[in-house]
Amino acid sequence: MTDYFALLEQPRMPWLDADTLKEVFHRKTLEQHPDATAAGSEDRFAELNAAYQALQDPKRRLDHLLSLENRAPAANQTVPPELQELFLDLAAFKQRADLLLGKIQTASNALSRSLFKPEMIALQNDLAVWRQKLRGLVDSATEQLREINPHWLSDRVTQMAALTSLYLRFAYLSRWSEQLDEIAFQLSL
């Protein structure tokens, strides 16, 4: 497995400075760009892109870091306890959205679809509240990640459980954000 931290000259830490990461990525991609270098550099260029995509996203960075530490999270993890109630509430919202979107899709004409406008507006308002709630949870998890960073090098064993928990939180929050994005897209059609 390629160490993306080493590839982009970053310390193997849970938190990375986004500006520094971006600066190194741009410098290295300029050096390795297929148009500027000899043939065969396409693979290296693609690897740099993959490294940057992984390290700039907290969930993917934690997954990579935990994998490098031989602690890769299992694929079938349960919802973290602090998110279980939210999971049930979000599932109910998604079910309500899917039901309304199904009704709209089966409406035979524009007049029929217009009858659903009040429900669509209410759903869009609830969607905005959900997105704000998830953004707040991501910000909170990001702050916890920053707080772990100074202790990482001196106390990896203790911090490993916290990182695994944060990884799961980021994984569920990003999955839920994608679901909300899909609902927003469907409502915009």
C-alpha atoms as a PDB file:
ATOM      1  CA  MET A   1       0.000   0.000   0.000  1.00  0.00           C
ATOM      2  CA  THR A   2       1.309   3.419  -0.931  1.00  0.00           C
ATOM      3  CA  ASP A   3       1.776   5.780   1.993  1.00  0.00           C
ATOM      4  CA  TYR A   4      -0.074   8.867   0.778  1.00  0.00           C
ATOM      5  CA  PHE A   5       1.333  10.914   3.652  1.00  0.00           C
ATOM      6  CA  ALA A   6       4.898  10.231   2.505  1.00  0.00           C
ATOM      7  CA  LEU A   7       3.979  10.736  -1.143  1.00  0.00           C
ATOM      8  CA  LEU A   8       2.704  14.242  -0.386  1.00  0.00           C
ATOM      9  CA  GLU A   9       5.399  15.003   2.192  1.00  0.00           C
ATOM     10  CA  GLN A  10       2.926  15.200   5.059  1.00  0.00           C
ATOM     11  CA  PRO A  11       3.347  13.959   8.614  1.00  0.00           C
ATOM     12  CA  ARG A  12       1.390  10.786   9.327  1.00  0.00           C
ATOM     13  CA  MET A  13      -1.128  12.588  11.521  1.00  0.00           C
ATOM     14  CA  PRO A  14      -4.939  12.588  11.884  1.00  0.00           C
ATOM     15  CA  TRP A  15      -5.172  16.326  11.136  1.00  0.00           C
ATOM     16  CA  LEU A  16      -3.404  18.044   8.251  1.00  0.00           C
ATOM     17  CA  ASP A  17      -3.240  21.702   7.301  1.00  0.00           C
ATOM     18  CA  ALA A  18      -5.363  21.971   4.145  1.00  0.00           C
ATOM     19  CA  ASP A  19      -3.360  24.845   2.654  1.00  0.00           C
ATOM     20  CA  THR A  20      -0.011  23.098   3.110  1.00  0.00           C
ATOM     21  CA  LEU A  21      -1.417  19.873   1.664  1.00  0.00           C
ATOM     22  CA  LYS A  22      -2.775  21.721  -1.358  1.00  0.00           C
ATOM     23  CA  GLU A  23       0.488  23.593  -1.896  1.00  0.00           C
ATOM     24  CA  VAL A  24       2.550  20.386  -1.890  1.00  0.00           C
ATOM     25  CA  PHE A  25       0.032  18.660  -4.140  1.00  0.00           C
ATOM     26  CA  HIS A  26       0.188  21.475  -6.703  1.00  0.00           C
ATOM     27  CA  ARG A  27       3.984  21.530  -6.653  1.00  0.00           C
ATOM     28  CA  LYS A  28       4.249  17.775  -7.088  1.00  0.00           C
ATOM     29  CA  THR A  29       1.630  17.609  -9.832  1.00  0.00           C
ATOM     30  CA  LEU A  30       3.461  20.309 -11.754  1.00  0.00           C
ATOM     31  CA  GLU A  31       6.645  18.250 -11.460  1.00  0.00           C
ATOM     32  CA  GLN A  32       4.919  15.011 -12.504  1.00  0.00           C
ATOM     33  CA  HIS A  33       2.403  16.282 -15.061  1.00  0.00           C
ATOM     34  CA  PRO A  34       2.413  13.997 -18.128  1.00  0.00           C
ATOM     35  CA  ASP A  35       2.706  16.973 -20.492  1.00  0.00           C
ATOM     36  CA  ALA A  36       5.816  18.257 -18.720  1.00  0.00           C
ATOM     37  CA  THR A  37       7.682  15.004 -18.066  1.00  0.00           C
ATOM     38  CA  ALA A  38       8.770  11.906 -19.864  1.00  0.00           C
ATOM     39  CA  ALA A  39       6.426   9.136 -20.883  1.00  0.00           C
ATOM     40  CA  GLY A  40       5.238   6.854 -18.121  1.00  0.00           C
ATOM     41  CA  SER A  41       4.558   9.594 -15.590  1.00  0.00           C
ATOM     42  CA  GLU A  42       0.782   9.206 -15.978  1.00  0.00           C
ATOM     43  CA  ASP A  43       0.751   6.561 -13.239  1.00  0.00           C
ATOM     44  CA  ARG A  44       2.649   8.793 -10.826  1.00  0.00           C
ATOM     45  CA  PHE A  45       0.342  11.705 -11.646  1.00  0.00           C
ATOM     46  CA  ALA A  46      -2.738   9.528 -11.005  1.00  0.00           C
ATOM     47  CA  GLU A  47      -1.213   8.333  -7.731  1.00  0.00           C
ATOM     48  CA  LEU A  48      -0.673  11.942  -6.614  1.00  0.00           C
ATOM     49  CA  ASN A  49      -4.309  12.709  -7.388  1.00  0.00           C
ATOM     50  CA  ALA A  50      -5.467   9.673  -5.425  1.00  0.00           C
ATOM     51  CA  ALA A  51      -3.261  10.687  -2.490  1.00  0.00           C
ATOM     52  CA  TYR A  52      -4.605  14.225  -2.464  1.00  0.00           C
ATOM     53  CA  GLN A  53      -8.229  13.055  -2.687  1.00  0.00           C
ATOM     54  CA  ALA A  54      -7.658  10.710   0.251  1.00  0.00           C
ATOM     55  CA  LEU A  55      -5.770  13.120   2.496  1.00  0.00           C
ATOM     56  CA  GLN A  56      -7.974  16.152   1.977  1.00  0.00           C
ATOM     57  CA  ASP A  57     -11.096  14.282   3.164  1.00  0.00           C
ATOM     58  CA  PRO A  58     -11.118  13.515   6.917  1.00  0.00           C
ATOM     59  CA  LYS A  59     -12.953  10.194   6.526  1.00  0.00           C
ATOM     60  CA  ARG A  60     -10.653   8.919   3.797  1.00  0.00           C
ATOM     61  CA  ARG A  61      -7.561  10.272   5.594  1.00  0.00           C
ATOM     62  CA  LEU A  62      -8.513   8.410   8.783  1.00  0.00           C
ATOM     63  CA  ASP A  63      -9.221   5.228   6.831  1.00  0.00           C
ATOM     64  CA  HIS A  64      -5.784   5.475   5.202  1.00  0.00           C
ATOM     65  CA  LEU A  65      -4.043   6.316   8.482  1.00  0.00           C
ATOM     66  CA  LEU A  66      -5.722   3.454  10.329  1.00  0.00           C
ATOM     67  CA  SER A  67      -4.848   1.089   7.465  1.00  0.00           C
ATOM     68  CA  LEU A  68      -1.202   2.157   7.624  1.00  0.00           C
ATOM     69  CA  GLU A  69      -1.292   1.485  11.366  1.00  0.00           C
ATOM     70  CA  ASN A  70      -2.732  -2.003  10.672  1.00  0.00           C
ATOM     71  CA  ARG A  71      -6.028  -1.003  12.279  1.00  0.00           C
ATOM     72  CA  ALA A  72      -8.255  -0.684   9.211  1.00  0.00           C
ATOM     73  CA  PRO A  73     -11.906  -0.368  10.235  1.00  0.00           C
ATOM     74  CA  ALA A  74     -14.159  -3.324   9.435  1.00  0.00           C
ATOM     75  CA  ALA A  75     -16.509  -2.839   6.514  1.00  0.00           C
ATOM     76  CA  ASN A  76     -19.692  -3.688   8.421  1.00  0.00           C
ATOM     77  CA  GLN A  77     -19.658  -1.363  11.402  1.00  0.00           C
ATOM     78  CA  THR A  78     -22.749  -0.449  13.376  1.00  0.00           C
ATOM     79  CA  VAL A  79     -23.979   3.096  13.761  1.00  0.00           C
ATOM     80  CA  PRO A  80     -22.012   4.826  16.542  1.00  0.00           C
ATOM     81  CA  PRO A  81     -24.120   5.130  19.720  1.00  0.00           C
ATOM     82  CA  GLU A  82     -24.074   8.935  19.627  1.00  0.00           C
ATOM     83  CA  LEU A  83     -25.662   8.853  16.145  1.00  0.00           C
ATOM     84  CA  GLN A  84     -28.260   6.110  16.631  1.00  0.00           C
ATOM     85  CA  GLU A  85     -31.196   8.394  17.441  1.00  0.00           C
ATOM     86  CA  LEU A  86     -30.246  10.661  14.557  1.00  0.00           C
ATOM     87  CA  PHE A  87     -30.094   7.595  12.299  1.00  0.00           C
ATOM     88  CA  LEU A  88     -33.700   6.686  13.120  1.00  0.00           C
ATOM     89  CA  ASP A  89     -34.928  10.261  12.640  1.00  0.00           C
ATOM     90  CA  LEU A  90     -33.086  10.597   9.340  1.00  0.00           C
ATOM     91  CA  ALA A  91     -34.480   7.268   8.130  1.00  0.00           C
ATOM     92  CA  ALA A  92     -38.004   8.550   8.848  1.00  0.00           C
ATOM     93  CA  PHE A  93     -37.259  11.778   6.947  1.00  0.00           C
ATOM     94  CA  LYS A  94     -35.826   9.850   4.000  1.00  0.00           C
ATOM     95  CA  GLN A  95     -38.852   7.576   3.931  1.00  0.00           C
ATOM     96  CA  ARG A  96     -41.164  10.617   3.906  1.00  0.00           C
ATOM     97  CA  ALA A  97     -39.115  12.172   1.077  1.00  0.00           C
ATOM     98  CA  ASP A  98     -39.118   8.959  -0.966  1.00  0.00           C
ATOM     99  CA  LEU A  99     -42.890   8.651  -0.564  1.00  0.00           C
ATOM    100  CA  LEU A 100     -43.501  12.221  -1.726  1.00  0.00           C
ATOM    101  CA  LEU A 101     -41.055  11.917  -4.622  1.00  0.00           C
ATOM    102  CA  GLY A 102     -42.791   8.708  -5.685  1.00  0.00           C
ATOM    103  CA  LYS A 103     -46.164  10.452  -5.684  1.00  0.00           C
ATOM    104  CA  ILE A 104     -44.756  13.328  -7.729  1.00  0.00           C
ATOM    105  CA  GLN A 105     -43.244  10.960 -10.287  1.00  0.00           C
ATOM    106  CA  THR A 106     -46.532   9.144 -10.772  1.00  0.00           C
ATOM    107  CA  ALA A 107     -48.519  12.361 -11.196  1.00  0.00           C
ATOM    108  CA  SER A 108     -49.796  12.396 -14.751  1.00  0.00           C
ATOM    109  CA  ASN A 109     -49.611  16.120 -15.474  1.00  0.00           C
ATOM    110  CA  ALA A 110     -48.275  19.456 -14.255  1.00  0.00           C
ATOM    111  CA  LEU A 111     -51.506  20.330 -12.467  1.00  0.00           C
ATOM    112  CA  SER A 112     -51.391  17.087 -10.486  1.00  0.00           C
ATOM    113  CA  ARG A 113     -47.750  17.712  -9.583  1.00  0.00           C
ATOM    114  CA  SER A 114     -48.528  21.274  -8.479  1.00  0.00           C
ATOM    115  CA  LEU A 115     -50.854  19.910  -5.810  1.00  0.00           C
ATOM    116  CA  PHE A 116     -47.785  18.535  -4.048  1.00  0.00           C
ATOM    117  CA  LYS A 117     -46.087  21.967  -3.892  1.00  0.00           C
ATOM    118  CA  PRO A 118     -46.876  22.645  -0.183  1.00  0.00           C
ATOM    119  CA  GLU A 119     -45.481  19.232   0.794  1.00  0.00           C
ATOM    120  CA  MET A 120     -42.397  19.853  -1.365  1.00  0.00           C
ATOM    121  CA  ILE A 121     -41.763  23.207   0.309  1.00  0.00           C
ATOM    122  CA  ALA A 122     -42.112  21.643   3.763  1.00  0.00           C
ATOM    123  CA  LEU A 123     -39.739  18.848   2.727  1.00  0.00           C
ATOM    124  CA  GLN A 124     -37.208  21.353   1.352  1.00  0.00           C
ATOM    125  CA  ASN A 125     -37.326  23.276   4.649  1.00  0.00           C
ATOM    126  CA  ASP A 126     -36.787  20.084   6.630  1.00  0.00           C
ATOM    127  CA  LEU A 127     -33.979  19.154   4.253  1.00  0.00           C
ATOM    128  CA  ALA A 128     -32.231  22.460   4.979  1.00  0.00           C
ATOM    129  CA  VAL A 129     -32.513  21.782   8.722  1.00  0.00           C
ATOM    130  CA  TRP A 130     -31.066  18.287   8.256  1.00  0.00           C
ATOM    131  CA  ARG A 131     -28.166  19.588   6.183  1.00  0.00           C
ATOM    132  CA  GLN A 132     -27.367  22.198   8.832  1.00  0.00           C
ATOM    133  CA  LYS A 133     -27.531  19.562  11.571  1.00  0.00           C
ATOM    134  CA  LEU A 134     -25.147  17.248   9.685  1.00  0.00           C
ATOM    135  CA  ARG A 135     -22.775  20.142   8.947  1.00  0.00           C
ATOM    136  CA  GLY A 136     -22.657  20.913  12.664  1.00  0.00           C
ATOM    137  CA  LEU A 137     -21.877  17.279  13.471  1.00  0.00           C
ATOM    138  CA  VAL A 138     -19.110  17.196  10.844  1.00  0.00           C
ATOM    139  CA  ASP A 139     -17.657  20.410  12.291  1.00  0.00           C
ATOM    140  CA  SER A 140     -17.755  18.888  15.782  1.00  0.00           C
ATOM    141  CA  ALA A 141     -16.025  15.701  14.582  1.00  0.00           C
ATOM    142  CA  THR A 142     -13.426  17.802  12.768  1.00  0.00           C
ATOM    143  CA  GLU A 143     -12.728  19.730  15.952  1.00  0.00           C
ATOM    144  CA  GLN A 144     -12.292  16.466  17.864  1.00  0.00           C
ATOM    145  CA  LEU A 145      -9.853  15.356  15.184  1.00  0.00           C
ATOM    146  CA  ARG A 146      -7.827  18.519  15.697  1.00  0.00           C
ATOM    147  CA  GLU A 147      -7.790  17.933  19.441  1.00  0.00           C
ATOM    148  CA  ILE A 148      -6.423  14.401  18.994  1.00  0.00           C
ATOM    149  CA  ASN A 149      -3.624  15.537  16.710  1.00  0.00           C
ATOM    150  CA  PRO A 150      -1.201  16.923  19.363  1.00  0.00           C
ATOM    151  CA  HIS A 151      -1.476  13.684  21.377  1.00  0.00           C
ATOM    152  CA  TRP A 152      -1.135  11.327  18.419  1.00  0.00           C
ATOM    153  CA  LEU A 153       2.625  10.877  18.343  1.00  0.00           C
ATOM    154  CA  SER A 154       3.047  10.446  22.085  1.00  0.00           C
ATOM    155  CA  ASP A 155       0.008   8.238  22.749  1.00  0.00           C
ATOM    156  CA  ARG A 156      -1.060   6.317  19.632  1.00  0.00           C
ATOM    157  CA  VAL A 157      -2.479   3.357  21.544  1.00  0.00           C
ATOM    158  CA  THR A 158      -4.989   5.457  23.474  1.00  0.00           C
ATOM    159  CA  GLN A 159      -5.831   7.646  20.479  1.00  0.00           C
ATOM    160  CA  MET A 160      -6.451   4.680  18.153  1.00  0.00           C
ATOM    161  CA  ALA A 161      -9.907   3.972  19.608  1.00  0.00           C
ATOM    162  CA  ALA A 162     -10.844   7.637  19.343  1.00  0.00           C
ATOM    163  CA  LEU A 163      -9.695   7.740  15.709  1.00  0.00           C
ATOM    164  CA  THR A 164     -11.673   4.625  14.854  1.00  0.00           C
ATOM    165  CA  SER A 165     -14.759   6.150  16.446  1.00  0.00           C
ATOM    166  CA  LEU A 166     -14.241   9.393  14.524  1.00  0.00           C
ATOM    167  CA  TYR A 167     -13.752   7.468  11.298  1.00  0.00           C
ATOM    168  CA  LEU A 168     -17.138   5.780  11.810  1.00  0.00           C
ATOM    169  CA  ARG A 169     -18.759   9.106  12.591  1.00  0.00           C
ATOM    170  CA  PHE A 170     -17.334  10.686   9.428  1.00  0.00           C
ATOM    171  CA  ALA A 171     -18.363   7.612   7.396  1.00  0.00           C
ATOM    172  CA  TYR A 172     -21.989   7.765   8.494  1.00  0.00           C
ATOM    173  CA  LEU A 173     -22.216  11.542   8.263  1.00  0.00           C
ATOM    174  CA  SER A 174     -20.813  11.582   4.733  1.00  0.00           C
ATOM    175  CA  ARG A 175     -23.156   8.780   3.645  1.00  0.00           C
ATOM    176  CA  TRP A 176     -26.133  10.648   5.091  1.00  0.00           C
ATOM    177  CA  SER A 177     -25.017  13.888   3.439  1.00  0.00           C
ATOM    178  CA  GLU A 178     -24.918  12.097   0.096  1.00  0.00           C
ATOM    179  CA  GLN A 179     -28.458  10.813   0.671  1.00  0.00           C
ATOM    180  CA  LEU A 180     -29.643  14.341   1.461  1.00  0.00           C
ATOM    181  CA  ASP A 181     -27.909  15.625  -1.678  1.00  0.00           C
ATOM    182  CA  GLU A 182     -29.795  13.035  -3.712  1.00  0.00           C
ATOM    183  CA  ILE A 183     -33.117  14.107  -2.178  1.00  0.00           C
ATOM    184  CA  ALA A 184     -32.286  17.762  -2.924  1.00  0.00           C
ATOM    185  CA  PHE A 185     -31.475  16.829  -6.511  1.00  0.00           C
ATOM    186  CA  GLN A 186     -34.724  14.921  -6.904  1.00  0.00           C
ATOM    187  CA  LEU A 187     -36.693  17.864  -5.479  1.00  0.00           C
ATOM    188  CA  SER A 188     -35.039  20.248  -7.939  1.00  0.00           C
ATOM    189  CA  LEU A 189     -36.248  18.345 -11.014  1.00  0.00           C
END
